[in-house]
Amino acid sequence: MSNICQQDTDKVLLVEGDNDCHVVMSLCIAHTVPETFGIYRCGSDDKVLKRLNALISRPNPPEVIGVMLDADSPSLSGRWNNVKNKLSHYNYEFPTHPSPNGTFVASDLEEPKLGFWLMPNNQDSGMLEDFCTELAEPSSLQFAQQCVEQAEAKGLATFKSVHRSKAIIHTYLAWHDEPGSPLGRAITKRALRPHTEIAVRFTDWLKRLFI
């Protein structure tokens, strides 16, 4: 593939952006997840759901589709209801709430097996960066949080409140070699720890979905 994040395969994981794609790839390498699926970067949360719909309804749909979405807009429950509403015309049985260990959804007809992971942990509202804070070294992360709080208190911070976790994780990463590394590379270089509890749960979900 010319673009590792644009793989249209029979078992595919749909993600929002490049950061999502490279975080998944780095965690898969760290946990030796078998290469049984491709990753497709859709460009946004809305485009993830549009592509999911298109894949399910096409004449020869994929065997398995995984979906990784941020749960920051408007909330975890709002995101889950949005997913269920978008797919209500199919024959899937959705649980009332997403599973903490990642959700699996099956149909009684010949429709693809689906799996969902709502960032950060299927329980709280948030995004990829909130997931990555769980990979950070706790004391260093706490100091990064304090730095961001001080910047806010002094009126130096202009980021939107919804992006606070982005400010924190990139403050944390600025102290590591190399400053400014993308999130996926930070996992590869061990600035973000790939074997924390949330990383294990996420990669276990991938294995159960695609193997």
C-alpha atoms as a PDB file:
ATOM      1  CA  MET A   1       0.000   0.000   0.000  1.00  0.00           C
ATOM      2  CA  SER A   2       1.273   3.462  -0.869  1.00  0.00           C
ATOM      3  CA  ASN A   3      -0.477   4.841   2.202  1.00  0.00           C
ATOM      4  CA  ILE A   4      -0.418   2.613   5.274  1.00  0.00           C
ATOM      5  CA  CYS A   5      -3.418   4.496   6.722  1.00  0.00           C
ATOM      6  CA  GLN A   6      -5.637   4.003   3.642  1.00  0.00           C
ATOM      7  CA  GLN A   7      -6.044   0.236   3.502  1.00  0.00           C
ATOM      8  CA  ASP A   8      -9.365  -0.966   2.123  1.00  0.00           C
ATOM      9  CA  THR A   9      -9.308  -4.610   3.222  1.00  0.00           C
ATOM     10  CA  ASP A  10     -11.756  -7.379   4.152  1.00  0.00           C
ATOM     11  CA  LYS A  11     -10.977  -6.772   7.826  1.00  0.00           C
ATOM     12  CA  VAL A  12     -10.563  -3.066   8.450  1.00  0.00           C
ATOM     13  CA  LEU A  13     -10.313  -0.603  11.318  1.00  0.00           C
ATOM     14  CA  LEU A  14     -11.833   2.820  10.618  1.00  0.00           C
ATOM     15  CA  VAL A  15     -10.138   5.731  12.411  1.00  0.00           C
ATOM     16  CA  GLU A  16     -10.509   9.502  12.290  1.00  0.00           C
ATOM     17  CA  GLY A  17      -7.003  10.793  11.504  1.00  0.00           C
ATOM     18  CA  ASP A  18      -3.314  10.075  10.993  1.00  0.00           C
ATOM     19  CA  ASN A  19      -2.519  10.303  14.724  1.00  0.00           C
ATOM     20  CA  ASP A  20      -5.107   7.608  15.442  1.00  0.00           C
ATOM     21  CA  CYS A  21      -3.659   5.392  12.724  1.00  0.00           C
ATOM     22  CA  HIS A  22      -0.068   5.664  13.924  1.00  0.00           C
ATOM     23  CA  VAL A  23      -0.960   5.189  17.597  1.00  0.00           C
ATOM     24  CA  VAL A  24      -2.741   1.952  16.661  1.00  0.00           C
ATOM     25  CA  MET A  25       0.197   0.762  14.562  1.00  0.00           C
ATOM     26  CA  SER A  26       2.721   1.510  17.335  1.00  0.00           C
ATOM     27  CA  LEU A  27       0.631  -0.329  19.935  1.00  0.00           C
ATOM     28  CA  CYS A  28       0.161  -3.289  17.581  1.00  0.00           C
ATOM     29  CA  ILE A  29       3.929  -3.577  17.172  1.00  0.00           C
ATOM     30  CA  ALA A  30       4.521  -3.324  20.927  1.00  0.00           C
ATOM     31  CA  HIS A  31       1.919  -6.028  21.639  1.00  0.00           C
ATOM     32  CA  THR A  32       2.694  -8.198  18.596  1.00  0.00           C
ATOM     33  CA  VAL A  33      -0.877  -7.954  17.318  1.00  0.00           C
ATOM     34  CA  PRO A  34      -1.087 -10.126  14.165  1.00  0.00           C
ATOM     35  CA  GLU A  35      -1.373  -8.177  10.902  1.00  0.00           C
ATOM     36  CA  THR A  36      -4.793  -9.534  10.001  1.00  0.00           C
ATOM     37  CA  PHE A  37      -6.480  -6.186   9.303  1.00  0.00           C
ATOM     38  CA  GLY A  38      -5.939  -2.875   7.559  1.00  0.00           C
ATOM     39  CA  ILE A  39      -6.417   0.642   8.894  1.00  0.00           C
ATOM     40  CA  TYR A  40      -8.425   3.264   7.018  1.00  0.00           C
ATOM     41  CA  ARG A  41      -8.116   6.933   7.925  1.00  0.00           C
ATOM     42  CA  CYS A  42     -11.438   8.610   7.183  1.00  0.00           C
ATOM     43  CA  GLY A  43     -10.628  12.233   8.024  1.00  0.00           C
ATOM     44  CA  SER A  44     -13.210  13.032  10.705  1.00  0.00           C
ATOM     45  CA  ASP A  45     -15.739  11.443  13.055  1.00  0.00           C
ATOM     46  CA  ASP A  46     -18.605  12.107  10.648  1.00  0.00           C
ATOM     47  CA  LYS A  47     -16.651  10.550   7.788  1.00  0.00           C
ATOM     48  CA  VAL A  48     -15.951   7.454   9.905  1.00  0.00           C
ATOM     49  CA  LEU A  49     -19.685   6.858  10.321  1.00  0.00           C
ATOM     50  CA  LYS A  50     -20.380   7.634   6.659  1.00  0.00           C
ATOM     51  CA  ARG A  51     -17.759   5.129   5.527  1.00  0.00           C
ATOM     52  CA  LEU A  52     -19.046   2.542   7.998  1.00  0.00           C
ATOM     53  CA  ASN A  53     -22.518   2.878   6.504  1.00  0.00           C
ATOM     54  CA  ALA A  54     -21.150   2.651   2.975  1.00  0.00           C
ATOM     55  CA  LEU A  55     -19.101  -0.474   3.748  1.00  0.00           C
ATOM     56  CA  ILE A  56     -22.003  -2.313   5.380  1.00  0.00           C
ATOM     57  CA  SER A  57     -24.409  -1.567   2.536  1.00  0.00           C
ATOM     58  CA  ARG A  58     -22.143  -2.279  -0.433  1.00  0.00           C
ATOM     59  CA  PRO A  59     -22.657  -5.528  -2.420  1.00  0.00           C
ATOM     60  CA  ASN A  60     -19.559  -7.276  -1.008  1.00  0.00           C
ATOM     61  CA  PRO A  61     -19.022  -5.821   2.442  1.00  0.00           C
ATOM     62  CA  PRO A  62     -15.939  -6.516   4.565  1.00  0.00           C
ATOM     63  CA  GLU A  63     -16.019  -9.502   6.905  1.00  0.00           C
ATOM     64  CA  VAL A  64     -15.148  -7.417   9.975  1.00  0.00           C
ATOM     65  CA  ILE A  65     -15.221  -3.653  10.578  1.00  0.00           C
ATOM     66  CA  GLY A  66     -13.686  -2.014  13.620  1.00  0.00           C
ATOM     67  CA  VAL A  67     -14.545   1.566  14.510  1.00  0.00           C
ATOM     68  CA  MET A  68     -12.440   3.855  16.689  1.00  0.00           C
ATOM     69  CA  LEU A  69     -14.062   7.186  17.573  1.00  0.00           C
ATOM     70  CA  ASP A  70     -13.469  10.038  19.989  1.00  0.00           C
ATOM     71  CA  ALA A  71     -16.260  10.352  22.552  1.00  0.00           C
ATOM     72  CA  ASP A  72     -15.893  14.076  23.203  1.00  0.00           C
ATOM     73  CA  SER A  73     -18.817  15.360  21.149  1.00  0.00           C
ATOM     74  CA  PRO A  74     -21.129  15.831  22.891  1.00  0.00           C
ATOM     75  CA  SER A  75     -20.451  13.043  25.417  1.00  0.00           C
ATOM     76  CA  LEU A  76     -19.850   9.310  25.621  1.00  0.00           C
ATOM     77  CA  SER A  77     -23.564   8.519  25.810  1.00  0.00           C
ATOM     78  CA  GLY A  78     -24.289  11.024  23.057  1.00  0.00           C
ATOM     79  CA  ARG A  79     -21.665   9.465  20.806  1.00  0.00           C
ATOM     80  CA  TRP A  80     -22.963   5.935  21.464  1.00  0.00           C
ATOM     81  CA  ASN A  81     -26.551   6.981  20.720  1.00  0.00           C
ATOM     82  CA  ASN A  82     -25.324   8.669  17.548  1.00  0.00           C
ATOM     83  CA  VAL A  83     -23.669   5.422  16.412  1.00  0.00           C
ATOM     84  CA  LYS A  84     -26.790   3.382  17.176  1.00  0.00           C
ATOM     85  CA  ASN A  85     -29.035   5.849  15.351  1.00  0.00           C
ATOM     86  CA  LYS A  86     -26.802   5.872  12.267  1.00  0.00           C
ATOM     87  CA  LEU A  87     -27.037   2.064  12.045  1.00  0.00           C
ATOM     88  CA  SER A  88     -30.646   1.591  13.171  1.00  0.00           C
ATOM     89  CA  HIS A  89     -31.808   0.486   9.696  1.00  0.00           C
ATOM     90  CA  TYR A  90     -29.584  -2.603   9.838  1.00  0.00           C
ATOM     91  CA  ASN A  91     -30.146  -5.771  11.878  1.00  0.00           C
ATOM     92  CA  TYR A  92     -27.600  -5.227  14.622  1.00  0.00           C
ATOM     93  CA  GLU A  93     -28.378  -5.662  18.310  1.00  0.00           C
ATOM     94  CA  PHE A  94     -26.662  -2.890  20.247  1.00  0.00           C
ATOM     95  CA  PRO A  95     -26.134  -2.959  24.021  1.00  0.00           C
ATOM     96  CA  THR A  96     -27.503  -0.005  25.957  1.00  0.00           C
ATOM     97  CA  HIS A  97     -23.988   1.081  26.910  1.00  0.00           C
ATOM     98  CA  PRO A  98     -20.586   0.371  25.347  1.00  0.00           C
ATOM     99  CA  SER A  99     -18.488  -2.285  27.060  1.00  0.00           C
ATOM    100  CA  PRO A 100     -15.431  -1.070  29.042  1.00  0.00           C
ATOM    101  CA  ASN A 101     -13.323  -3.602  27.117  1.00  0.00           C
ATOM    102  CA  GLY A 102     -14.588  -2.579  23.694  1.00  0.00           C
ATOM    103  CA  THR A 103     -17.944  -3.471  22.170  1.00  0.00           C
ATOM    104  CA  PHE A 104     -18.736  -6.219  19.674  1.00  0.00           C
ATOM    105  CA  VAL A 105     -21.939  -6.123  17.648  1.00  0.00           C
ATOM    106  CA  ALA A 106     -23.330  -8.921  15.498  1.00  0.00           C
ATOM    107  CA  SER A 107     -26.257  -9.226  13.090  1.00  0.00           C
ATOM    108  CA  ASP A 108     -28.592 -12.147  12.526  1.00  0.00           C
ATOM    109  CA  LEU A 109     -28.238 -11.543   8.772  1.00  0.00           C
ATOM    110  CA  GLU A 110     -25.149 -11.632   6.563  1.00  0.00           C
ATOM    111  CA  GLU A 111     -23.839  -8.267   7.698  1.00  0.00           C
ATOM    112  CA  PRO A 112     -20.252  -7.586   8.831  1.00  0.00           C
ATOM    113  CA  LYS A 113     -19.153  -8.199  12.395  1.00  0.00           C
ATOM    114  CA  LEU A 114     -18.634  -4.812  14.044  1.00  0.00           C
ATOM    115  CA  GLY A 115     -16.420  -3.652  16.887  1.00  0.00           C
ATOM    116  CA  PHE A 116     -16.371  -0.252  18.582  1.00  0.00           C
ATOM    117  CA  TRP A 117     -13.814   1.512  20.759  1.00  0.00           C
ATOM    118  CA  LEU A 118     -14.857   4.945  22.043  1.00  0.00           C
ATOM    119  CA  MET A 119     -11.871   7.002  23.119  1.00  0.00           C
ATOM    120  CA  PRO A 120     -10.497   7.121  25.631  1.00  0.00           C
ATOM    121  CA  ASN A 121     -11.805   4.059  27.516  1.00  0.00           C
ATOM    122  CA  ASN A 122     -15.443   3.372  26.528  1.00  0.00           C
ATOM    123  CA  GLN A 123     -16.539   4.845  29.866  1.00  0.00           C
ATOM    124  CA  ASP A 124     -15.556   8.524  29.884  1.00  0.00           C
ATOM    125  CA  SER A 125     -15.954  11.355  27.408  1.00  0.00           C
ATOM    126  CA  GLY A 126     -12.692  12.241  25.714  1.00  0.00           C
ATOM    127  CA  MET A 127     -10.408  11.756  22.744  1.00  0.00           C
ATOM    128  CA  LEU A 128      -7.210  10.082  21.566  1.00  0.00           C
ATOM    129  CA  GLU A 129      -5.065  12.434  23.670  1.00  0.00           C
ATOM    130  CA  ASP A 130      -6.942  11.402  26.836  1.00  0.00           C
ATOM    131  CA  PHE A 131      -6.106   7.792  25.969  1.00  0.00           C
ATOM    132  CA  CYS A 132      -2.450   8.757  25.529  1.00  0.00           C
ATOM    133  CA  THR A 133      -2.317  10.457  28.938  1.00  0.00           C
ATOM    134  CA  GLU A 134      -2.899   6.972  30.375  1.00  0.00           C
ATOM    135  CA  LEU A 135       0.362   5.923  28.692  1.00  0.00           C
ATOM    136  CA  ALA A 136       2.365   8.782  30.218  1.00  0.00           C
ATOM    137  CA  GLU A 137       4.602   8.492  33.288  1.00  0.00           C
ATOM    138  CA  PRO A 138       2.312   9.674  36.125  1.00  0.00           C
ATOM    139  CA  SER A 139       4.580  12.100  37.995  1.00  0.00           C
ATOM    140  CA  SER A 140       5.786  13.772  34.787  1.00  0.00           C
ATOM    141  CA  LEU A 141       2.206  13.994  33.540  1.00  0.00           C
ATOM    142  CA  GLN A 142       1.141  15.615  36.812  1.00  0.00           C
ATOM    143  CA  PHE A 143       3.829  18.270  36.370  1.00  0.00           C
ATOM    144  CA  ALA A 144       2.672  18.861  32.786  1.00  0.00           C
ATOM    145  CA  GLN A 145      -0.861  19.363  34.109  1.00  0.00           C
ATOM    146  CA  GLN A 146       0.446  21.884  36.638  1.00  0.00           C
ATOM    147  CA  CYS A 147       2.274  23.773  33.884  1.00  0.00           C
ATOM    148  CA  VAL A 148      -0.878  23.976  31.791  1.00  0.00           C
ATOM    149  CA  GLU A 149      -2.875  25.129  34.830  1.00  0.00           C
ATOM    150  CA  GLN A 150      -0.335  27.887  35.493  1.00  0.00           C
ATOM    151  CA  ALA A 151      -0.472  28.991  31.865  1.00  0.00           C
ATOM    152  CA  GLU A 152      -4.263  29.164  32.136  1.00  0.00           C
ATOM    153  CA  ALA A 153      -4.098  31.107  35.414  1.00  0.00           C
ATOM    154  CA  LYS A 154      -1.725  33.665  33.876  1.00  0.00           C
ATOM    155  CA  GLY A 155      -3.912  34.096  30.813  1.00  0.00           C
ATOM    156  CA  LEU A 156      -1.270  32.625  28.513  1.00  0.00           C
ATOM    157  CA  ALA A 157      -3.380  29.716  27.243  1.00  0.00           C
ATOM    158  CA  THR A 158      -5.660  30.223  24.256  1.00  0.00           C
ATOM    159  CA  PHE A 159      -6.687  26.612  23.570  1.00  0.00           C
ATOM    160  CA  LYS A 160     -10.342  25.609  23.724  1.00  0.00           C
ATOM    161  CA  SER A 161     -11.369  23.752  26.875  1.00  0.00           C
ATOM    162  CA  VAL A 162     -12.220  20.650  24.830  1.00  0.00           C
ATOM    163  CA  HIS A 163      -8.542  20.525  23.751  1.00  0.00           C
ATOM    164  CA  ARG A 164      -7.093  20.662  27.254  1.00  0.00           C
ATOM    165  CA  SER A 165      -5.866  17.068  27.120  1.00  0.00           C
ATOM    166  CA  LYS A 166      -4.019  17.894  23.880  1.00  0.00           C
ATOM    167  CA  ALA A 167      -2.233  20.758  25.633  1.00  0.00           C
ATOM    168  CA  ILE A 168      -1.251  18.511  28.537  1.00  0.00           C
ATOM    169  CA  ILE A 169       0.050  15.553  26.542  1.00  0.00           C
ATOM    170  CA  HIS A 170       2.071  17.745  24.182  1.00  0.00           C
ATOM    171  CA  THR A 171       3.533  19.667  27.139  1.00  0.00           C
ATOM    172  CA  TYR A 172       4.564  16.303  28.574  1.00  0.00           C
ATOM    173  CA  LEU A 173       6.084  15.172  25.258  1.00  0.00           C
ATOM    174  CA  ALA A 174       8.002  18.441  24.842  1.00  0.00           C
ATOM    175  CA  TRP A 175      10.435  17.240  27.540  1.00  0.00           C
ATOM    176  CA  HIS A 176      11.241  13.994  25.771  1.00  0.00           C
ATOM    177  CA  ASP A 177      13.545  13.125  22.913  1.00  0.00           C
ATOM    178  CA  GLU A 178      12.596  14.290  20.346  1.00  0.00           C
ATOM    179  CA  PRO A 179      10.368  17.244  21.357  1.00  0.00           C
ATOM    180  CA  GLY A 180       7.394  17.506  19.041  1.00  0.00           C
ATOM    181  CA  SER A 181       7.286  13.807  18.172  1.00  0.00           C
ATOM    182  CA  PRO A 182       3.872  12.595  16.948  1.00  0.00           C
ATOM    183  CA  LEU A 183       1.925  10.406  19.370  1.00  0.00           C
ATOM    184  CA  GLY A 184       2.646   7.166  17.513  1.00  0.00           C
ATOM    185  CA  ARG A 185       6.380   7.805  17.435  1.00  0.00           C
ATOM    186  CA  ALA A 186       6.293   8.738  21.136  1.00  0.00           C
ATOM    187  CA  ILE A 187       4.959   5.232  21.834  1.00  0.00           C
ATOM    188  CA  THR A 188       7.669   3.658  19.691  1.00  0.00           C
ATOM    189  CA  LYS A 189      10.353   5.677  21.515  1.00  0.00           C
ATOM    190  CA  ARG A 190       8.771   4.768  24.896  1.00  0.00           C
ATOM    191  CA  ALA A 191       8.075   8.377  25.887  1.00  0.00           C
ATOM    192  CA  LEU A 192       4.545   6.990  26.135  1.00  0.00           C
ATOM    193  CA  ARG A 193       4.387   3.547  27.740  1.00  0.00           C
ATOM    194  CA  PRO A 194       2.764   0.920  25.490  1.00  0.00           C
ATOM    195  CA  HIS A 195       2.022  -1.667  28.194  1.00  0.00           C
ATOM    196  CA  THR A 196      -0.263   0.213  30.576  1.00  0.00           C
ATOM    197  CA  GLU A 197      -3.633  -1.278  31.529  1.00  0.00           C
ATOM    198  CA  ILE A 198      -5.592   0.749  28.962  1.00  0.00           C
ATOM    199  CA  ALA A 199      -3.152  -0.184  26.175  1.00  0.00           C
ATOM    200  CA  VAL A 200      -3.513  -3.875  27.038  1.00  0.00           C
ATOM    201  CA  ARG A 201      -7.325  -3.613  27.011  1.00  0.00           C
ATOM    202  CA  PHE A 202      -7.267  -1.830  23.660  1.00  0.00           C
ATOM    203  CA  THR A 203      -4.939  -4.303  21.937  1.00  0.00           C
ATOM    204  CA  ASP A 204      -6.880  -7.232  23.415  1.00  0.00           C
ATOM    205  CA  TRP A 205     -10.002  -5.736  21.816  1.00  0.00           C
ATOM    206  CA  LEU A 206      -8.211  -5.600  18.463  1.00  0.00           C
ATOM    207  CA  LYS A 207      -7.106  -9.229  18.760  1.00  0.00           C
ATOM    208  CA  ARG A 208     -10.578 -10.466  19.719  1.00  0.00           C
ATOM    209  CA  LEU A 209     -12.167  -8.483  16.885  1.00  0.00           C
ATOM    210  CA  PHE A 210      -9.862  -9.366  14.020  1.00  0.00           C
ATOM    211  CA  ILE A 211      -8.444 -12.808  14.795  1.00  0.00           C
END
